[in-house]
Amino acid sequence: MARLSVGLMLVLACWTASSSGAAISLEDKLEQLTNNYNEMKQELTSKIGQLEAQIQGRAHPTSPVYFYAQRSAPFSTKAAKLPFDTPVLNAGNALDAASGTFTVPRAGIYSFSFTGMANFPETTGVYVWLSASLFLNGNVVGSGEVDEANTVADQWSPLFLQVTLSLAAGDQVWLEIDYDTAGIVLHDDADHYTHFNGWMLDE
């Protein structure tokens, strides 16, 4: 009976020791998992903050630059800057509407669009055309053209132009028109058929 009691005591002692060891092991693993989770959480939070800062910085220029201008009278002068007598918007004051010149205030990506209405005289058996070109520092970087044949007097036809450019501070952008037949004009009146837009997309 004494031997049996001693044996039971040894078994209980071994079981207690092994149970205590298993409990400590689980606690250690739980603590390690918790520490790993906290480290990953901190790292992800930091990366998310950096990405949000980059997105916010690229989504909006430091200060907006955009313009929208119109004309209210016909224009027919070749090889001359197209002026605008009705500036509607000019955030950043980069457009000199009177001369039609946009001077880039800050380096970045800019987009420009132009819409106009050609007015043709009566013609027979020939093609006639009018073009509008966007100039960057004196060089053509894009053009829009409309051509017709056998036109009637005061025939109107629209033309369009859109260009996106990477520009440096101080660059100058403007429009000029060209045509092949006397009597062709860029039409306009109080209804404003001529539109020139520009805006900074990114910097």
N, C-alpha and C. Protein backbone atom coordinates (compact mmCIF):
# COMPACT_ATOMS: atom_id res chain seq x y z
N MET A 1 0.83 -1.20 0.00
CA MET A 1 0.00 0.00 0.00
C MET A 1 0.86 1.24 0.00
N ALA A 2 1.95 1.24 0.73
CA ALA A 2 2.86 2.38 0.79
C ALA A 2 3.51 2.60 -0.55
N ARG A 3 3.91 1.44 -1.21
CA ARG A 3 4.51 1.58 -2.54
C ARG A 3 3.54 2.18 -3.54
N LEU A 4 2.26 1.78 -3.47
CA LEU A 4 1.24 2.31 -4.37
C LEU A 4 1.07 3.79 -4.16
N SER A 5 1.07 4.25 -2.92
CA SER A 5 0.91 5.67 -2.61
C SER A 5 2.08 6.46 -3.16
N VAL A 6 3.30 5.93 -2.99
CA VAL A 6 4.47 6.63 -3.52
C VAL A 6 4.41 6.73 -5.03
N GLY A 7 3.96 5.64 -5.68
CA GLY A 7 3.85 5.64 -7.16
C GLY A 7 2.86 6.67 -7.64
N LEU A 8 1.69 6.74 -6.94
CA LEU A 8 0.68 7.72 -7.34
C LEU A 8 1.20 9.13 -7.17
N MET A 9 1.96 9.35 -6.11
CA MET A 9 2.51 10.68 -5.86
C MET A 9 3.50 11.07 -6.97
N LEU A 10 4.31 10.11 -7.43
CA LEU A 10 5.26 10.39 -8.51
C LEU A 10 4.55 10.71 -9.81
N VAL A 11 3.48 9.96 -10.11
CA VAL A 11 2.70 10.22 -11.34
C VAL A 11 2.08 11.60 -11.29
N LEU A 12 1.49 11.92 -10.11
CA LEU A 12 0.86 13.25 -9.98
C LEU A 12 1.89 14.35 -10.11
N ALA A 13 3.05 14.15 -9.56
CA ALA A 13 4.10 15.16 -9.62
C ALA A 13 4.55 15.38 -11.06
N CYS A 14 4.71 14.28 -11.80
CA CYS A 14 5.12 14.40 -13.20
C CYS A 14 4.04 15.09 -14.02
N TRP A 15 2.77 14.76 -13.79
CA TRP A 15 1.66 15.35 -14.54
C TRP A 15 1.56 16.85 -14.27
N THR A 16 1.74 17.21 -13.01
CA THR A 16 1.67 18.62 -12.63
C THR A 16 2.78 19.41 -13.29
N ALA A 17 3.98 18.84 -13.32
CA ALA A 17 5.12 19.53 -13.93
C ALA A 17 4.92 19.71 -15.42
N SER A 18 4.44 18.63 -16.09
CA SER A 18 4.23 18.73 -17.53
C SER A 18 3.12 19.70 -17.86
N SER A 19 2.05 19.72 -17.07
CA SER A 19 0.94 20.64 -17.29
C SER A 19 1.41 22.07 -17.13
N SER A 20 2.21 22.35 -16.11
CA SER A 20 2.74 23.70 -15.87
C SER A 20 3.62 24.15 -17.03
N GLY A 21 4.45 23.21 -17.55
CA GLY A 21 5.32 23.53 -18.67
C GLY A 21 4.52 23.86 -19.91
N ALA A 22 3.43 23.11 -20.19
CA ALA A 22 2.59 23.37 -21.35
C ALA A 22 1.93 24.72 -21.25
N ALA A 23 1.47 25.10 -20.02
CA ALA A 23 0.81 26.39 -19.83
C ALA A 23 1.79 27.52 -20.10
N ILE A 24 3.02 27.42 -19.63
CA ILE A 24 4.03 28.46 -19.87
C ILE A 24 4.33 28.58 -21.36
N SER A 25 4.43 27.47 -22.05
CA SER A 25 4.72 27.46 -23.47
C SER A 25 3.62 28.19 -24.25
N LEU A 26 2.36 27.94 -23.92
CA LEU A 26 1.25 28.61 -24.60
C LEU A 26 1.27 30.10 -24.32
N GLU A 27 1.58 30.48 -23.11
CA GLU A 27 1.64 31.90 -22.77
C GLU A 27 2.75 32.60 -23.54
N ASP A 28 3.90 31.90 -23.66
CA ASP A 28 5.00 32.48 -24.42
C ASP A 28 4.62 32.67 -25.88
N LYS A 29 3.97 31.65 -26.45
CA LYS A 29 3.56 31.75 -27.86
C LYS A 29 2.55 32.87 -28.06
N LEU A 30 1.60 32.99 -27.14
CA LEU A 30 0.60 34.05 -27.24
C LEU A 30 1.25 35.43 -27.16
N GLU A 31 2.22 35.55 -26.26
CA GLU A 31 2.93 36.83 -26.12
C GLU A 31 3.71 37.16 -27.39
N GLN A 32 4.35 36.13 -27.97
CA GLN A 32 5.12 36.34 -29.19
C GLN A 32 4.20 36.76 -30.34
N LEU A 33 3.05 36.09 -30.48
CA LEU A 33 2.09 36.44 -31.53
C LEU A 33 1.58 37.87 -31.35
N THR A 34 1.31 38.23 -30.09
CA THR A 34 0.83 39.59 -29.81
C THR A 34 1.87 40.63 -30.19
N ASN A 35 3.14 40.35 -29.85
CA ASN A 35 4.21 41.28 -30.20
C ASN A 35 4.37 41.41 -31.71
N ASN A 36 4.30 40.26 -32.42
CA ASN A 36 4.41 40.28 -33.88
C ASN A 36 3.27 41.09 -34.50
N TYR A 37 2.07 40.89 -33.99
CA TYR A 37 0.90 41.63 -34.48
C TYR A 37 1.07 43.13 -34.30
N ASN A 38 1.53 43.52 -33.12
CA ASN A 38 1.70 44.96 -32.85
C ASN A 38 2.76 45.58 -33.76
N GLU A 39 3.85 44.82 -34.01
CA GLU A 39 4.90 45.33 -34.90
C GLU A 39 4.37 45.48 -36.32
N MET A 40 3.63 44.48 -36.82
CA MET A 40 3.05 44.55 -38.16
C MET A 40 2.05 45.69 -38.27
N LYS A 41 1.25 45.88 -37.24
CA LYS A 41 0.26 46.95 -37.23
C LYS A 41 0.94 48.32 -37.33
N GLN A 42 2.00 48.50 -36.55
CA GLN A 42 2.73 49.77 -36.59
C GLN A 42 3.35 50.01 -37.95
N GLU A 43 3.91 48.96 -38.54
CA GLU A 43 4.55 49.09 -39.86
C GLU A 43 3.52 49.43 -40.93
N LEU A 44 2.38 48.74 -40.92
CA LEU A 44 1.33 49.00 -41.90
C LEU A 44 0.76 50.40 -41.72
N THR A 45 0.56 50.82 -40.48
CA THR A 45 0.03 52.17 -40.23
C THR A 45 0.99 53.23 -40.76
N SER A 46 2.29 53.00 -40.59
CA SER A 46 3.28 53.94 -41.09
C SER A 46 3.27 54.00 -42.61
N LYS A 47 3.19 52.84 -43.27
CA LYS A 47 3.18 52.80 -44.74
C LYS A 47 1.92 53.44 -45.29
N ILE A 48 0.78 53.19 -44.66
CA ILE A 48 -0.48 53.80 -45.11
C ILE A 48 -0.41 55.32 -45.00
N GLY A 49 0.17 55.80 -43.90
CA GLY A 49 0.32 57.25 -43.73
C GLY A 49 1.20 57.85 -44.80
N GLN A 50 2.29 57.17 -45.16
CA GLN A 50 3.18 57.67 -46.21
C GLN A 50 2.47 57.71 -47.56
N LEU A 51 1.72 56.65 -47.89
CA LEU A 51 0.99 56.62 -49.16
C LEU A 51 -0.07 57.70 -49.21
N GLU A 52 -0.80 57.91 -48.13
CA GLU A 52 -1.83 58.96 -48.11
C GLU A 52 -1.21 60.34 -48.32
N ALA A 53 -0.04 60.56 -47.72
CA ALA A 53 0.64 61.85 -47.89
C ALA A 53 1.07 62.05 -49.34
N GLN A 54 1.58 60.98 -49.98
CA GLN A 54 1.98 61.07 -51.38
C GLN A 54 0.79 61.34 -52.28
N ILE A 55 -0.33 60.62 -52.05
CA ILE A 55 -1.52 60.81 -52.87
C ILE A 55 -2.07 62.22 -52.71
N GLN A 56 -2.13 62.69 -51.49
CA GLN A 56 -2.65 64.03 -51.23
C GLN A 56 -1.76 65.09 -51.86
N GLY A 57 -0.46 64.87 -51.81
CA GLY A 57 0.46 65.84 -52.38
C GLY A 57 0.38 65.91 -53.89
N ARG A 58 0.08 64.76 -54.55
CA ARG A 58 0.01 64.73 -56.00
C ARG A 58 -1.37 65.05 -56.52
N ALA A 59 -2.40 64.92 -55.71
CA ALA A 59 -3.76 65.14 -56.18
C ALA A 59 -4.05 66.61 -56.41
N HIS A 60 -3.42 67.49 -55.65
CA HIS A 60 -3.72 68.91 -55.77
C HIS A 60 -2.42 69.71 -55.80
N PRO A 61 -2.24 70.52 -56.85
CA PRO A 61 -1.07 71.40 -56.85
C PRO A 61 -1.07 72.31 -55.63
N THR A 62 0.11 72.86 -55.29
CA THR A 62 0.21 73.69 -54.09
C THR A 62 -0.74 74.88 -54.17
N SER A 63 -0.93 75.43 -55.36
CA SER A 63 -1.94 76.44 -55.58
C SER A 63 -2.47 76.25 -57.00
N PRO A 64 -3.77 76.39 -57.23
CA PRO A 64 -4.35 76.06 -58.54
C PRO A 64 -3.91 77.01 -59.64
N VAL A 65 -3.77 76.46 -60.83
CA VAL A 65 -3.48 77.25 -62.03
C VAL A 65 -4.43 76.78 -63.12
N TYR A 66 -5.31 77.65 -63.57
CA TYR A 66 -6.21 77.32 -64.69
C TYR A 66 -6.77 78.61 -65.26
N PHE A 67 -7.22 78.54 -66.51
CA PHE A 67 -7.82 79.71 -67.13
C PHE A 67 -8.86 79.29 -68.16
N TYR A 68 -9.74 80.20 -68.48
CA TYR A 68 -10.73 80.01 -69.53
C TYR A 68 -11.04 81.38 -70.13
N ALA A 69 -10.84 81.52 -71.43
CA ALA A 69 -11.04 82.81 -72.10
C ALA A 69 -11.85 82.64 -73.37
N GLN A 70 -12.56 83.71 -73.75
CA GLN A 70 -13.40 83.72 -74.94
C GLN A 70 -13.08 84.94 -75.81
N ARG A 71 -13.62 84.92 -77.04
CA ARG A 71 -13.60 86.09 -77.91
C ARG A 71 -15.03 86.51 -78.21
N SER A 72 -15.18 87.75 -78.67
CA SER A 72 -16.51 88.25 -79.02
C SER A 72 -16.52 88.98 -80.36
N ALA A 73 -15.44 88.77 -81.16
CA ALA A 73 -15.35 89.42 -82.47
C ALA A 73 -14.54 88.53 -83.41
N PRO A 74 -14.74 88.64 -84.73
CA PRO A 74 -13.97 87.83 -85.68
C PRO A 74 -12.48 88.15 -85.64
N PHE A 75 -11.67 87.19 -86.11
CA PHE A 75 -10.22 87.38 -86.14
C PHE A 75 -9.70 86.72 -87.41
N SER A 76 -8.81 87.41 -88.13
CA SER A 76 -8.32 86.87 -89.40
C SER A 76 -6.84 87.14 -89.64
N THR A 77 -6.10 87.56 -88.63
CA THR A 77 -4.68 87.88 -88.80
C THR A 77 -3.84 86.62 -88.70
N LYS A 78 -3.08 86.34 -89.78
CA LYS A 78 -2.20 85.18 -89.76
C LYS A 78 -0.93 85.48 -88.99
N ALA A 79 -0.27 84.40 -88.53
CA ALA A 79 1.05 84.49 -87.89
C ALA A 79 1.09 85.55 -86.80
N ALA A 80 0.02 85.62 -86.02
CA ALA A 80 -0.05 86.56 -84.90
C ALA A 80 -0.73 85.85 -83.73
N LYS A 81 -0.32 86.20 -82.53
CA LYS A 81 -0.94 85.60 -81.35
C LYS A 81 -2.44 85.92 -81.33
N LEU A 82 -3.24 84.92 -81.03
CA LEU A 82 -4.70 85.09 -80.96
C LEU A 82 -5.07 85.69 -79.60
N PRO A 83 -5.56 86.92 -79.57
CA PRO A 83 -5.92 87.54 -78.28
C PRO A 83 -7.33 87.16 -77.86
N PHE A 84 -7.62 87.39 -76.59
CA PHE A 84 -8.95 87.08 -76.05
C PHE A 84 -9.45 88.28 -75.27
N ASP A 85 -10.63 88.76 -75.65
CA ASP A 85 -11.17 89.96 -75.02
C ASP A 85 -12.11 89.67 -73.86
N THR A 86 -12.37 88.37 -73.61
CA THR A 86 -13.30 88.02 -72.53
C THR A 86 -12.68 86.93 -71.65
N PRO A 87 -11.78 87.30 -70.74
CA PRO A 87 -11.27 86.30 -69.80
C PRO A 87 -12.33 85.96 -68.76
N VAL A 88 -12.66 84.68 -68.64
CA VAL A 88 -13.70 84.25 -67.71
C VAL A 88 -13.10 83.77 -66.39
N LEU A 89 -12.05 82.97 -66.48
CA LEU A 89 -11.34 82.47 -65.30
C LEU A 89 -9.85 82.65 -65.53
N ASN A 90 -9.12 82.93 -64.44
CA ASN A 90 -7.67 83.08 -64.58
C ASN A 90 -6.99 82.87 -63.22
N ALA A 91 -7.18 81.68 -62.65
CA ALA A 91 -6.57 81.36 -61.36
C ALA A 91 -5.06 81.27 -61.51
N GLY A 92 -4.35 82.05 -60.73
CA GLY A 92 -2.90 82.11 -60.83
C GLY A 92 -2.41 83.24 -61.70
N ASN A 93 -3.35 83.90 -62.42
CA ASN A 93 -3.03 85.07 -63.27
C ASN A 93 -1.90 84.79 -64.24
N ALA A 94 -1.88 83.58 -64.81
CA ALA A 94 -0.81 83.21 -65.74
C ALA A 94 -1.15 83.54 -67.19
N LEU A 95 -2.42 83.82 -67.48
CA LEU A 95 -2.82 84.15 -68.85
C LEU A 95 -2.91 85.66 -69.02
N ASP A 96 -2.18 86.18 -70.01
CA ASP A 96 -2.34 87.56 -70.43
C ASP A 96 -3.35 87.55 -71.58
N ALA A 97 -4.61 87.76 -71.27
CA ALA A 97 -5.67 87.60 -72.26
C ALA A 97 -5.49 88.55 -73.43
N ALA A 98 -5.04 89.77 -73.18
CA ALA A 98 -4.91 90.77 -74.24
C ALA A 98 -3.95 90.32 -75.33
N SER A 99 -2.90 89.60 -74.96
CA SER A 99 -1.95 89.09 -75.96
C SER A 99 -2.19 87.62 -76.28
N GLY A 100 -3.01 86.94 -75.45
CA GLY A 100 -3.27 85.52 -75.65
C GLY A 100 -2.14 84.62 -75.19
N THR A 101 -1.23 85.16 -74.38
CA THR A 101 -0.05 84.40 -73.96
C THR A 101 -0.22 83.85 -72.55
N PHE A 102 0.01 82.56 -72.41
CA PHE A 102 0.04 81.91 -71.11
C PHE A 102 1.50 81.68 -70.72
N THR A 103 1.91 82.23 -69.59
CA THR A 103 3.28 82.05 -69.10
C THR A 103 3.25 81.07 -67.93
N VAL A 104 3.96 79.97 -68.05
CA VAL A 104 3.92 78.90 -67.05
C VAL A 104 4.49 79.40 -65.72
N PRO A 105 3.71 79.37 -64.64
CA PRO A 105 4.20 79.85 -63.35
C PRO A 105 5.08 78.85 -62.61
N ARG A 106 4.79 77.56 -62.78
CA ARG A 106 5.56 76.51 -62.11
C ARG A 106 5.66 75.30 -63.04
N ALA A 107 6.77 74.60 -62.93
CA ALA A 107 6.97 73.40 -63.74
C ALA A 107 5.88 72.37 -63.43
N GLY A 108 5.42 71.66 -64.45
CA GLY A 108 4.40 70.65 -64.23
C GLY A 108 3.80 70.17 -65.54
N ILE A 109 2.75 69.37 -65.41
CA ILE A 109 2.00 68.86 -66.55
C ILE A 109 0.77 69.74 -66.76
N TYR A 110 0.61 70.27 -67.97
CA TYR A 110 -0.49 71.18 -68.28
C TYR A 110 -1.28 70.65 -69.47
N SER A 111 -2.57 70.93 -69.45
CA SER A 111 -3.44 70.55 -70.56
C SER A 111 -4.10 71.80 -71.13
N PHE A 112 -4.21 71.86 -72.45
CA PHE A 112 -4.81 73.00 -73.14
C PHE A 112 -5.84 72.50 -74.16
N SER A 113 -6.91 73.26 -74.31
CA SER A 113 -7.91 72.92 -75.33
C SER A 113 -8.41 74.21 -75.98
N PHE A 114 -8.75 74.08 -77.26
CA PHE A 114 -9.23 75.22 -78.03
C PHE A 114 -10.39 74.77 -78.90
N THR A 115 -11.42 75.60 -78.97
CA THR A 115 -12.54 75.38 -79.86
C THR A 115 -12.84 76.67 -80.59
N GLY A 116 -13.02 76.59 -81.90
CA GLY A 116 -13.32 77.79 -82.69
C GLY A 116 -14.29 77.47 -83.81
N MET A 117 -14.71 78.53 -84.51
CA MET A 117 -15.66 78.37 -85.61
C MET A 117 -15.12 79.09 -86.84
N ALA A 118 -14.83 78.33 -87.90
CA ALA A 118 -14.34 78.91 -89.16
C ALA A 118 -15.54 79.41 -89.96
N ASN A 119 -15.36 80.56 -90.58
CA ASN A 119 -16.38 81.12 -91.47
C ASN A 119 -15.78 81.19 -92.88
N PHE A 120 -16.38 80.42 -93.81
CA PHE A 120 -15.85 80.33 -95.17
C PHE A 120 -16.65 81.19 -96.14
N PRO A 121 -15.97 81.74 -97.16
CA PRO A 121 -16.69 82.43 -98.23
C PRO A 121 -17.20 81.42 -99.26
N GLU A 122 -17.87 81.88 -100.25
CA GLU A 122 -18.36 80.99 -101.32
C GLU A 122 -17.18 80.55 -102.19
N THR A 123 -17.08 79.24 -102.43
CA THR A 123 -16.02 78.70 -103.29
C THR A 123 -16.61 77.64 -104.20
N THR A 124 -15.92 77.37 -105.29
CA THR A 124 -16.37 76.37 -106.26
C THR A 124 -15.19 75.53 -106.72
N GLY A 125 -15.30 74.21 -106.52
CA GLY A 125 -14.32 73.28 -107.06
C GLY A 125 -12.97 73.25 -106.37
N VAL A 126 -12.83 73.87 -105.21
CA VAL A 126 -11.55 73.85 -104.49
C VAL A 126 -11.79 73.57 -103.01
N TYR A 127 -10.74 73.04 -102.39
CA TYR A 127 -10.77 72.87 -100.94
C TYR A 127 -10.28 74.15 -100.28
N VAL A 128 -10.91 74.54 -99.21
CA VAL A 128 -10.47 75.67 -98.40
C VAL A 128 -10.33 75.20 -96.96
N TRP A 129 -9.43 75.83 -96.22
CA TRP A 129 -9.18 75.35 -94.85
C TRP A 129 -8.79 76.50 -93.95
N LEU A 130 -8.98 76.25 -92.66
CA LEU A 130 -8.51 77.13 -91.60
C LEU A 130 -7.95 76.25 -90.49
N SER A 131 -6.80 76.63 -89.97
CA SER A 131 -6.17 75.85 -88.89
C SER A 131 -5.87 76.75 -87.71
N ALA A 132 -5.80 76.13 -86.54
CA ALA A 132 -5.36 76.80 -85.31
C ALA A 132 -4.22 75.95 -84.74
N SER A 133 -3.12 76.61 -84.40
CA SER A 133 -1.95 75.89 -83.88
C SER A 133 -1.58 76.42 -82.51
N LEU A 134 -1.17 75.50 -81.64
CA LEU A 134 -0.68 75.87 -80.31
C LEU A 134 0.84 75.95 -80.38
N PHE A 135 1.38 77.10 -79.94
CA PHE A 135 2.82 77.34 -79.96
C PHE A 135 3.38 77.26 -78.55
N LEU A 136 4.57 76.64 -78.43
CA LEU A 136 5.33 76.62 -77.19
C LEU A 136 6.68 77.27 -77.47
N ASN A 137 6.90 78.44 -76.91
CA ASN A 137 8.16 79.17 -77.10
C ASN A 137 8.51 79.33 -78.58
N GLY A 138 7.48 79.55 -79.41
CA GLY A 138 7.71 79.81 -80.83
C GLY A 138 7.64 78.59 -81.72
N ASN A 139 7.45 77.40 -81.16
CA ASN A 139 7.39 76.17 -81.95
C ASN A 139 5.99 75.55 -81.87
N VAL A 140 5.48 75.07 -83.00
CA VAL A 140 4.17 74.44 -83.03
C VAL A 140 4.23 73.09 -82.31
N VAL A 141 3.32 72.86 -81.37
CA VAL A 141 3.27 71.59 -80.65
C VAL A 141 1.95 70.85 -80.88
N GLY A 142 1.03 71.47 -81.61
CA GLY A 142 -0.24 70.81 -81.92
C GLY A 142 -1.09 71.72 -82.79
N SER A 143 -1.89 71.11 -83.66
CA SER A 143 -2.75 71.89 -84.55
C SER A 143 -4.10 71.21 -84.73
N GLY A 144 -5.10 72.03 -85.01
CA GLY A 144 -6.42 71.55 -85.39
C GLY A 144 -6.82 72.24 -86.67
N GLU A 145 -7.51 71.52 -87.57
CA GLU A 145 -7.84 72.10 -88.89
C GLU A 145 -9.22 71.65 -89.34
N VAL A 146 -9.88 72.52 -90.07
CA VAL A 146 -11.13 72.16 -90.71
C VAL A 146 -11.03 72.56 -92.18
N ASP A 147 -11.44 71.68 -93.10
CA ASP A 147 -11.42 72.01 -94.52
C ASP A 147 -12.75 71.64 -95.15
N GLU A 148 -13.11 72.39 -96.16
CA GLU A 148 -14.38 72.20 -96.85
C GLU A 148 -14.16 72.40 -98.35
N ALA A 149 -15.15 71.99 -99.15
CA ALA A 149 -15.12 72.20 -100.60
C ALA A 149 -16.49 72.68 -101.06
N ASN A 150 -16.48 73.51 -102.09
CA ASN A 150 -17.73 74.02 -102.66
C ASN A 150 -18.60 74.67 -101.58
N THR A 151 -17.99 75.56 -100.84
CA THR A 151 -18.69 76.19 -99.72
C THR A 151 -19.64 77.28 -100.22
N VAL A 152 -20.62 77.56 -99.41
CA VAL A 152 -21.53 78.68 -99.66
C VAL A 152 -21.09 79.85 -98.79
N ALA A 153 -21.56 81.03 -99.12
CA ALA A 153 -21.17 82.21 -98.37
C ALA A 153 -21.60 82.08 -96.91
N ASP A 154 -20.69 82.46 -96.02
CA ASP A 154 -20.94 82.41 -94.57
C ASP A 154 -21.19 80.99 -94.07
N GLN A 155 -20.50 80.04 -94.65
CA GLN A 155 -20.60 78.66 -94.16
C GLN A 155 -19.72 78.51 -92.93
N TRP A 156 -20.29 77.96 -91.87
CA TRP A 156 -19.56 77.80 -90.61
C TRP A 156 -19.17 76.35 -90.41
N SER A 157 -17.96 76.13 -89.89
CA SER A 157 -17.49 74.78 -89.55
C SER A 157 -16.62 74.86 -88.30
N PRO A 158 -16.82 73.97 -87.32
CA PRO A 158 -16.04 74.03 -86.08
C PRO A 158 -14.68 73.36 -86.22
N LEU A 159 -13.73 73.77 -85.42
CA LEU A 159 -12.44 73.10 -85.33
C LEU A 159 -12.04 72.99 -83.86
N PHE A 160 -11.20 71.98 -83.57
CA PHE A 160 -10.86 71.65 -82.19
C PHE A 160 -9.38 71.37 -82.07
N LEU A 161 -8.86 71.53 -80.86
CA LEU A 161 -7.45 71.27 -80.58
C LEU A 161 -7.30 70.96 -79.11
N GLN A 162 -6.54 69.92 -78.79
CA GLN A 162 -6.27 69.59 -77.39
C GLN A 162 -4.84 69.05 -77.28
N VAL A 163 -4.08 69.58 -76.31
CA VAL A 163 -2.68 69.20 -76.14
C VAL A 163 -2.37 69.11 -74.65
N THR A 164 -1.57 68.11 -74.26
CA THR A 164 -1.06 67.99 -72.89
C THR A 164 0.45 68.01 -72.94
N LEU A 165 1.07 68.87 -72.12
CA LEU A 165 2.51 69.11 -72.21
C LEU A 165 3.17 69.09 -70.83
N SER A 166 4.44 68.70 -70.81
CA SER A 166 5.28 68.86 -69.63
C SER A 166 6.05 70.17 -69.82
N LEU A 167 5.81 71.14 -68.94
CA LEU A 167 6.34 72.49 -69.13
C LEU A 167 7.22 72.92 -67.97
N ALA A 168 8.14 73.82 -68.27
CA ALA A 168 9.03 74.41 -67.27
C ALA A 168 8.55 75.81 -66.93
N ALA A 169 8.89 76.26 -65.75
CA ALA A 169 8.53 77.61 -65.34
C ALA A 169 9.10 78.62 -66.34
N GLY A 170 8.26 79.57 -66.77
CA GLY A 170 8.70 80.57 -67.72
C GLY A 170 8.38 80.25 -69.16
N ASP A 171 8.03 79.00 -69.47
CA ASP A 171 7.60 78.66 -70.84
C ASP A 171 6.38 79.50 -71.22
N GLN A 172 6.24 79.79 -72.52
CA GLN A 172 5.10 80.57 -72.98
C GLN A 172 4.33 79.79 -74.04
N VAL A 173 3.01 79.85 -73.93
CA VAL A 173 2.11 79.11 -74.81
C VAL A 173 1.09 80.08 -75.38
N TRP A 174 0.80 79.96 -76.68
CA TRP A 174 -0.23 80.80 -77.31
C TRP A 174 -0.78 80.12 -78.56
N LEU A 175 -1.79 80.72 -79.16
CA LEU A 175 -2.44 80.20 -80.36
C LEU A 175 -2.24 81.14 -81.53
N GLU A 176 -2.16 80.57 -82.75
CA GLU A 176 -2.17 81.33 -83.98
C GLU A 176 -3.06 80.61 -84.99
N ILE A 177 -3.63 81.36 -85.94
CA ILE A 177 -4.44 80.75 -86.98
C ILE A 177 -3.75 80.89 -88.32
N ASP A 178 -4.15 80.03 -89.26
CA ASP A 178 -3.66 80.10 -90.63
C ASP A 178 -4.79 79.63 -91.55
N TYR A 179 -4.76 80.06 -92.81
CA TYR A 179 -5.78 79.66 -93.79
C TYR A 179 -5.22 79.88 -95.18
N ASP A 180 -5.93 79.37 -96.19
CA ASP A 180 -5.37 79.38 -97.55
C ASP A 180 -6.12 80.29 -98.52
N THR A 181 -7.24 80.84 -98.12
CA THR A 181 -8.06 81.62 -99.06
C THR A 181 -8.53 82.91 -98.39
N ALA A 182 -8.39 84.02 -99.10
CA ALA A 182 -8.87 85.30 -98.58
C ALA A 182 -10.36 85.22 -98.29
N GLY A 183 -10.77 85.86 -97.21
CA GLY A 183 -12.18 85.86 -96.84
C GLY A 183 -12.52 84.87 -95.74
N ILE A 184 -11.58 83.94 -95.44
CA ILE A 184 -11.80 83.00 -94.34
C ILE A 184 -11.46 83.70 -93.02
N VAL A 185 -12.31 83.55 -92.03
CA VAL A 185 -12.06 84.17 -90.73
C VAL A 185 -12.41 83.19 -89.62
N LEU A 186 -11.81 83.44 -88.46
CA LEU A 186 -12.23 82.76 -87.23
C LEU A 186 -13.42 83.55 -86.71
N HIS A 187 -14.59 82.98 -86.86
CA HIS A 187 -15.82 83.73 -86.56
C HIS A 187 -16.04 83.88 -85.06
N ASP A 188 -16.62 85.02 -84.69
CA ASP A 188 -17.10 85.19 -83.32
C ASP A 188 -17.97 86.42 -83.22
N ASP A 189 -18.79 86.41 -82.18
CA ASP A 189 -19.67 87.54 -81.88
C ASP A 189 -20.06 87.45 -80.41
N ALA A 190 -21.13 88.07 -80.03
CA ALA A 190 -21.53 88.10 -78.63
C ALA A 190 -21.91 86.71 -78.09
N ASP A 191 -22.10 85.74 -78.98
CA ASP A 191 -22.44 84.38 -78.53
C ASP A 191 -21.21 83.56 -78.16
N HIS A 192 -20.02 84.07 -78.43
CA HIS A 192 -18.74 83.45 -78.01
C HIS A 192 -18.57 82.04 -78.57
N TYR A 193 -18.02 81.97 -79.77
CA TYR A 193 -17.74 80.67 -80.40
C TYR A 193 -16.30 80.22 -80.21
N THR A 194 -15.46 81.11 -79.71
CA THR A 194 -14.04 80.79 -79.52
C THR A 194 -13.76 80.58 -78.04
N HIS A 195 -13.13 79.42 -77.71
CA HIS A 195 -12.87 79.07 -76.31
C HIS A 195 -11.45 78.55 -76.18
N PHE A 196 -10.74 79.06 -75.18
CA PHE A 196 -9.36 78.62 -74.89
C PHE A 196 -9.27 78.31 -73.41
N ASN A 197 -8.90 77.04 -73.11
CA ASN A 197 -8.79 76.56 -71.73
C ASN A 197 -7.40 76.03 -71.45
N GLY A 198 -6.95 76.18 -70.22
CA GLY A 198 -5.70 75.57 -69.80
C GLY A 198 -5.71 75.34 -68.31
N TRP A 199 -5.04 74.28 -67.86
CA TRP A 199 -4.99 74.00 -66.42
C TRP A 199 -3.81 73.08 -66.10
N MET A 200 -3.31 73.25 -64.88
CA MET A 200 -2.24 72.38 -64.39
C MET A 200 -2.82 71.06 -63.91
N LEU A 201 -2.29 69.98 -64.41
CA LEU A 201 -2.73 68.64 -63.98
C LEU A 201 -1.91 68.11 -62.82
N ASP A 202 -0.60 68.37 -62.86
CA ASP A 202 0.29 67.81 -61.84
C ASP A 202 1.58 68.63 -61.83
N GLU A 203 2.28 68.58 -60.70
CA GLU A 203 3.59 69.26 -60.61
C GLU A 203 4.55 68.42 -59.82
